[in-house]
Amino acid sequence: MTGLVIKNTGFWYTVLTDDGTAVDCKVKGNFRLKGIRSTNPVAVGDRVVISKAESEPNAWITEIEDRRNYIIRKSSNLSKQSSIIAANVDQAMLIVTVNYPETSTTFIDRFLASAEAYRVPVVLVFNKKDLLSDEELHYQQMMQALYDTVGYDSIAISAATGEGIDELHNLLKNKITLLSGNSGVGKSTIINALVPDAELRTAEISDSHNQGMHTTTFSEMIRLPKSDGNDDDGWIIDTPGIRGFGTFDIERAELTSYFKEIFQFSKDCRFSDCTHTHEPGCAVLQAVENHYIAQSRYQSYLSMLEDKDGDKYRAAY
């Protein structure tokens, strides 16, 4: 029997079978040992094969079908392990807030680079615009302009007031979309606005650290409601908020390819193995100096290039 993994609590999985039945499953111990360097070898969005013996209380996941893509990050507690956030997605939406809490450009760039590595298109969703001062709104517009120039689509919304939710819904139709972002950026509020029946819990921002508090504790696929009487095959994948994004299994030599603008300028470097840090004739360094590459993006590239400390990615900038 085959189906789609729609929920992962860390202890068991819910699989929606091809006949529409939701079945709670577990993973057999030996299945976890088949060369999968991950804290969760099965992820939400996976297509799987399950079996259930009449004498056993649980159904078991016995096989994962080939994935077309996935998003992965370094496990926060096990530096040599990865955590697969979601699999088989059409796009990811990274929820960003200029303030309340502030999303660092390093976090954004690390997420974008990882998505590039695993062939997942990303849309940046700037939330909480209703809370921003004029200065903060201007900064948000500058950030959007930067990432639009690099080649990423963005949208500014307010989940609290409903502004931009209809436009956001149109971007989600008939797609499987991962929603990700720091804790406190409003993912649950956004999902509640899109899917009122979801009734996800939300929490206030911590005043002392201007950081969000986790309200989602497991990953789950939520079906978008039908609109205008038409079938809507869209799914949202809700995931726990994350405070840092540690990239996993990205080789130093490949990193340039995952920063779109750096890759473009790197074609004109004098040396084919240029690291874009000190070499003579480096077109990337020249582009940074001439402001064709944003300093924040270049610093993010350097932080990933030099990232040997498992906790380094937690730094804000």
Protein backbone atom coordinates (compact mmCIF):
# COMPACT_ATOMS: atom_id res chain seq x y z
CA MET A 1 0.00 0.00 0.00
CA THR A 2 1.35 3.44 -0.91
CA GLY A 3 0.58 6.91 0.36
CA LEU A 4 1.73 10.41 1.27
CA VAL A 5 3.29 11.31 4.63
CA ILE A 6 1.21 14.22 5.91
CA LYS A 7 2.35 14.39 9.53
CA ASN A 8 5.55 13.70 11.46
CA THR A 9 5.60 14.04 15.23
CA GLY A 10 9.06 12.59 15.63
CA PHE A 11 7.64 9.39 17.11
CA TRP A 12 5.08 8.34 14.51
CA TYR A 13 3.85 9.34 11.06
CA THR A 14 0.44 9.80 9.52
CA VAL A 15 0.22 8.49 5.96
CA LEU A 16 -2.66 9.43 3.66
CA THR A 17 -3.08 6.34 1.51
CA ASP A 18 -4.03 6.51 -2.12
CA ASP A 19 -7.60 5.54 -1.24
CA GLY A 20 -7.88 8.53 1.12
CA THR A 21 -7.43 6.74 4.44
CA ALA A 22 -5.22 8.27 7.14
CA VAL A 23 -3.02 5.59 8.74
CA ASP A 24 -0.69 6.10 11.71
CA CYS A 25 2.65 4.43 11.09
CA LYS A 26 6.02 3.83 12.64
CA VAL A 27 9.44 3.20 11.14
CA LYS A 28 11.20 -0.06 11.89
CA GLY A 29 14.57 0.30 13.57
CA ASN A 30 16.59 -1.37 10.82
CA PHE A 31 15.05 1.00 8.28
CA ARG A 32 16.81 3.89 10.05
CA LEU A 33 20.21 2.28 9.52
CA LYS A 34 20.27 2.14 5.73
CA GLY A 35 22.85 4.87 5.22
CA ILE A 36 20.49 7.77 5.91
CA ARG A 37 22.40 10.39 7.90
CA SER A 38 19.32 12.08 9.23
CA THR A 39 17.46 12.41 12.49
CA ASN A 40 14.26 11.81 10.50
CA PRO A 41 14.76 9.45 7.54
CA VAL A 42 11.09 9.88 6.63
CA ALA A 43 9.82 13.43 6.06
CA VAL A 44 6.50 15.10 5.48
CA GLY A 45 5.87 15.07 1.74
CA ASP A 46 7.48 11.70 1.20
CA ARG A 47 5.71 9.07 -0.87
CA VAL A 48 6.06 5.78 1.01
CA VAL A 49 5.13 2.13 0.99
CA ILE A 50 3.45 0.85 4.16
CA SER A 51 2.46 -2.56 5.44
CA LYS A 52 0.44 -3.87 8.38
CA ALA A 53 0.19 -7.40 9.68
CA GLU A 54 -3.09 -8.38 11.32
CA SER A 55 -1.19 -9.48 14.41
CA GLU A 56 0.56 -6.11 14.84
CA PRO A 57 -1.02 -2.96 16.30
CA ASN A 58 0.92 -0.54 14.11
CA ALA A 59 1.40 -0.07 10.40
CA TRP A 60 5.01 0.19 9.28
CA ILE A 61 6.75 2.33 6.68
CA THR A 62 8.89 -0.08 4.69
CA GLU A 63 10.09 2.00 1.73
CA ILE A 64 10.52 5.63 0.63
CA GLU A 65 9.90 6.31 -3.03
CA ASP A 66 12.49 8.40 -4.88
CA ARG A 67 12.32 12.08 -3.93
CA ARG A 68 12.34 14.78 -6.57
CA ASN A 69 13.73 17.28 -4.06
CA TYR A 70 13.88 18.11 -0.38
CA ILE A 71 14.96 20.82 2.04
CA ILE A 72 17.54 19.83 4.63
CA ARG A 73 19.30 21.57 7.49
CA LYS A 74 21.94 20.63 10.02
CA SER A 75 20.46 19.13 13.14
CA SER A 76 20.83 21.68 15.93
CA ASN A 77 21.95 19.08 18.48
CA LEU A 78 23.89 16.65 16.31
CA SER A 79 26.36 18.45 14.08
CA LYS A 80 27.03 15.39 11.93
CA GLN A 81 23.35 14.68 11.45
CA SER A 82 20.84 16.37 9.20
CA SER A 83 17.16 17.08 9.57
CA ILE A 84 15.02 16.83 6.45
CA ILE A 85 12.41 19.58 6.74
CA ALA A 86 10.17 18.43 3.88
CA ALA A 87 10.28 16.46 0.64
CA ASN A 88 8.73 16.67 -2.83
CA VAL A 89 7.74 20.33 -2.67
CA ASP A 90 6.88 22.63 -5.57
CA GLN A 91 8.14 25.69 -3.74
CA ALA A 92 9.16 27.03 -0.36
CA MET A 93 7.97 30.25 1.21
CA LEU A 94 10.36 31.75 3.71
CA ILE A 95 8.48 33.98 6.15
CA VAL A 96 10.59 37.04 6.96
CA THR A 97 10.03 39.85 9.47
CA VAL A 98 12.05 43.06 9.53
CA ASN A 99 11.18 43.36 13.21
CA TYR A 100 9.11 41.56 15.88
CA PRO A 101 11.37 39.52 15.58
CA GLU A 102 14.11 40.54 13.18
CA THR A 103 15.11 37.99 10.54
CA SER A 104 18.81 38.26 9.76
CA THR A 105 20.03 38.42 6.18
CA THR A 106 22.43 35.59 6.98
CA PHE A 107 19.51 33.33 7.88
CA ILE A 108 17.71 34.28 4.66
CA ASP A 109 20.78 33.69 2.51
CA ARG A 110 21.56 30.34 4.11
CA PHE A 111 18.00 29.17 3.48
CA LEU A 112 18.14 30.39 -0.13
CA ALA A 113 21.48 28.69 -0.77
CA SER A 114 20.21 25.39 0.63
CA ALA A 115 17.08 25.64 -1.49
CA GLU A 116 19.20 26.26 -4.57
CA ALA A 117 21.30 23.22 -3.73
CA TYR A 118 18.22 20.99 -3.60
CA ARG A 119 16.36 22.60 -6.53
CA VAL A 120 13.52 24.17 -4.55
CA PRO A 121 12.16 27.55 -5.76
CA VAL A 122 11.69 30.11 -2.96
CA VAL A 123 9.32 33.04 -2.48
CA LEU A 124 10.13 35.49 0.32
CA VAL A 125 7.07 36.52 2.33
CA PHE A 126 7.60 39.68 4.40
CA ASN A 127 5.05 39.60 7.21
CA LYS A 128 3.91 42.07 9.91
CA LYS A 129 4.13 45.17 7.73
CA ASP A 130 1.32 46.67 9.84
CA LEU A 131 3.69 46.86 12.83
CA LEU A 132 6.55 48.64 11.08
CA SER A 133 7.58 52.25 11.37
CA ASP A 134 8.18 54.32 8.24
CA GLU A 135 11.91 53.69 8.59
CA GLU A 136 11.37 49.96 8.95
CA LEU A 137 9.00 49.89 5.98
CA HIS A 138 11.67 51.62 3.90
CA TYR A 139 14.23 49.04 5.00
CA GLN A 140 11.80 46.23 4.09
CA GLN A 141 11.32 47.73 0.62
CA MET A 142 15.10 47.86 0.21
CA MET A 143 15.38 44.21 1.21
CA GLN A 144 12.68 43.24 -1.26
CA ALA A 145 14.41 45.20 -4.00
CA LEU A 146 17.70 43.44 -3.22
CA TYR A 147 16.26 39.94 -3.44
CA ASP A 148 14.09 40.81 -6.44
CA THR A 149 17.28 41.95 -8.21
CA VAL A 150 19.03 38.70 -7.30
CA GLY A 151 16.13 36.76 -8.81
CA TYR A 152 13.77 35.87 -5.96
CA ASP A 153 10.10 36.79 -5.89
CA SER A 154 8.81 38.49 -2.75
CA ILE A 155 5.51 39.66 -1.30
CA ALA A 156 4.71 41.91 1.67
CA ILE A 157 1.71 40.99 3.79
CA SER A 158 0.10 41.38 7.17
CA ALA A 159 -1.45 38.16 8.39
CA ALA A 160 -2.98 40.02 11.34
CA THR A 161 -4.96 42.46 9.17
CA GLY A 162 -5.42 40.17 6.16
CA GLU A 163 -3.52 42.43 3.78
CA GLY A 164 -1.96 40.37 0.97
CA ILE A 165 -3.53 37.07 2.05
CA ASP A 166 -5.57 36.71 -1.15
CA GLU A 167 -2.47 37.31 -3.25
CA LEU A 168 -0.59 34.80 -1.15
CA HIS A 169 -3.35 32.22 -1.59
CA ASN A 170 -3.10 32.60 -5.36
CA LEU A 171 0.60 31.74 -5.17
CA LEU A 172 -0.22 28.56 -3.25
CA LYS A 173 -2.95 27.15 -5.48
CA ASN A 174 -2.35 23.66 -6.83
CA LYS A 175 1.13 23.48 -5.31
CA ILE A 176 2.81 21.79 -2.38
CA THR A 177 4.46 24.61 -0.44
CA LEU A 178 6.80 24.48 2.52
CA LEU A 179 6.36 27.37 4.95
CA SER A 180 9.47 28.05 6.99
CA GLY A 181 11.00 30.83 9.03
CA ASN A 182 12.26 31.88 12.44
CA SER A 183 10.09 31.30 15.46
CA GLY A 184 7.65 34.17 15.91
CA VAL A 185 7.46 35.43 12.31
CA GLY A 186 3.76 34.53 12.12
CA LYS A 187 3.61 31.23 10.25
CA SER A 188 0.72 29.96 12.34
CA THR A 189 -1.17 33.24 11.96
CA ILE A 190 -0.66 33.08 8.19
CA ILE A 191 -1.94 29.51 8.03
CA ASN A 192 -4.95 30.39 10.19
CA ALA A 193 -5.74 33.20 7.75
CA LEU A 194 -5.44 30.86 4.77
CA VAL A 195 -7.10 27.84 6.39
CA PRO A 196 -9.43 29.03 9.17
CA ASP A 197 -10.28 25.46 10.17
CA ALA A 198 -6.63 24.81 11.01
CA GLU A 199 -6.93 26.77 14.29
CA LEU A 200 -3.19 26.66 14.96
CA ARG A 201 -1.89 28.03 18.23
CA THR A 202 -0.02 31.32 18.21
CA ALA A 203 2.16 32.95 20.84
CA GLU A 204 3.43 36.41 21.72
CA ILE A 205 6.98 37.52 20.97
CA SER A 206 9.42 37.38 23.89
CA ASP A 207 9.90 40.99 25.02
CA SER A 208 13.34 40.33 26.46
CA HIS A 209 14.91 38.94 23.30
CA ASN A 210 12.50 39.98 20.53
CA GLN A 211 12.33 36.32 19.51
CA GLY A 212 9.41 34.06 18.83
CA MET A 213 8.37 31.15 20.98
CA HIS A 214 7.74 27.78 19.37
CA THR A 215 4.05 26.96 18.95
CA THR A 216 4.33 24.31 16.22
CA THR A 217 6.05 21.21 17.57
CA PHE A 218 5.75 18.86 14.60
CA SER A 219 5.59 18.97 10.80
CA GLU A 220 2.25 18.61 9.06
CA MET A 221 0.71 19.00 5.61
CA ILE A 222 -2.47 21.07 5.60
CA ARG A 223 -4.76 21.04 2.59
CA LEU A 224 -5.84 24.42 1.25
CA PRO A 225 -9.62 24.92 1.23
CA LYS A 226 -11.46 24.95 -2.06
CA SER A 227 -12.36 28.39 -3.35
CA ASP A 228 -14.98 29.51 -5.88
CA GLY A 229 -16.26 25.97 -6.14
CA ASN A 230 -13.09 24.81 -7.88
CA ASP A 231 -10.89 21.96 -6.77
CA ASP A 232 -7.72 23.18 -5.12
CA ASP A 233 -4.98 20.59 -4.85
CA GLY A 234 -2.71 22.87 -2.85
CA TRP A 235 -1.01 21.79 0.34
CA ILE A 236 0.86 23.83 2.95
CA ILE A 237 3.60 22.14 4.94
CA ASP A 238 3.76 23.69 8.40
CA THR A 239 7.01 23.15 10.28
CA PRO A 240 8.36 24.19 13.68
CA GLY A 241 9.97 27.62 13.71
CA ILE A 242 13.76 27.61 13.62
CA ARG A 243 16.23 30.06 15.14
CA GLY A 244 19.19 29.15 12.94
CA PHE A 245 19.74 27.43 9.62
CA GLY A 246 22.82 25.25 9.48
CA THR A 247 23.58 24.14 5.95
CA PHE A 248 24.42 20.48 5.43
CA ASP A 249 26.53 18.63 2.86
CA ILE A 250 27.27 21.68 0.71
CA GLU A 251 30.85 21.46 -0.54
CA ARG A 252 33.00 24.59 -0.47
CA ALA A 253 33.69 24.32 -4.20
CA GLU A 254 29.95 24.19 -4.96
CA LEU A 255 28.90 27.11 -2.80
CA THR A 256 29.36 29.76 -5.49
CA SER A 257 26.69 28.04 -7.57
CA TYR A 258 24.07 28.62 -4.88
CA PHE A 259 24.44 32.41 -4.80
CA LYS A 260 22.93 33.44 -8.13
CA GLU A 261 24.66 36.79 -8.58
CA ILE A 262 28.04 35.55 -7.32
CA PHE A 263 27.86 32.66 -9.76
CA GLN A 264 27.20 35.03 -12.66
CA PHE A 265 30.21 37.23 -11.91
CA SER A 266 32.44 34.24 -11.10
CA LYS A 267 32.46 33.28 -14.77
CA ASP A 268 34.79 36.23 -15.40
CA CYS A 269 37.30 35.38 -12.65
CA ARG A 270 40.90 34.85 -13.76
CA PHE A 271 41.13 31.46 -12.04
CA SER A 272 38.58 28.69 -12.45
CA ASP A 273 39.04 27.60 -8.83
CA CYS A 274 38.73 31.12 -7.42
CA THR A 275 37.29 31.23 -3.90
CA HIS A 276 36.41 34.94 -4.27
CA THR A 277 38.22 35.84 -1.09
CA HIS A 278 41.68 37.15 -2.07
CA GLU A 279 42.67 36.03 -5.56
CA PRO A 280 43.95 38.53 -8.15
CA GLY A 281 41.61 39.04 -11.08
CA CYS A 282 38.56 38.04 -9.04
CA ALA A 283 35.46 39.41 -10.77
CA VAL A 284 33.32 38.77 -7.68
CA LEU A 285 35.49 40.94 -5.41
CA GLN A 286 35.38 43.65 -8.06
CA ALA A 287 31.60 43.38 -8.25
CA VAL A 288 31.32 43.69 -4.46
CA GLU A 289 33.55 46.77 -4.51
CA ASN A 290 31.42 48.31 -7.27
CA HIS A 291 28.18 47.43 -5.41
CA TYR A 292 26.91 45.03 -8.05
CA ILE A 293 26.87 42.37 -5.33
CA ALA A 294 25.37 43.40 -1.98
CA GLN A 295 27.80 43.38 0.94
CA SER A 296 25.28 41.44 3.04
CA ARG A 297 25.07 38.67 0.44
CA TYR A 298 28.85 38.49 0.13
CA GLN A 299 29.22 38.29 3.92
CA SER A 300 26.70 35.46 3.97
CA TYR A 301 28.75 33.67 1.32
CA LEU A 302 31.90 34.11 3.42
CA SER A 303 30.18 32.88 6.57
CA MET A 304 29.16 29.68 4.80
CA LEU A 305 32.54 29.28 3.11
CA GLU A 306 34.34 29.50 6.42
CA ASP A 307 31.74 27.63 8.43
CA LYS A 308 33.55 24.94 10.39
CA ASP A 309 31.92 25.54 13.75
CA GLY A 310 28.66 23.59 14.10
CA ASP A 311 27.09 26.46 16.08
CA LYS A 312 28.39 29.32 13.98
CA TYR A 313 25.23 29.56 11.90
CA ARG A 314 23.33 30.72 14.96
CA ALA A 315 25.02 34.13 14.84
CA ALA A 316 22.67 36.89 13.70
CA TYR A 317 25.07 38.40 11.18
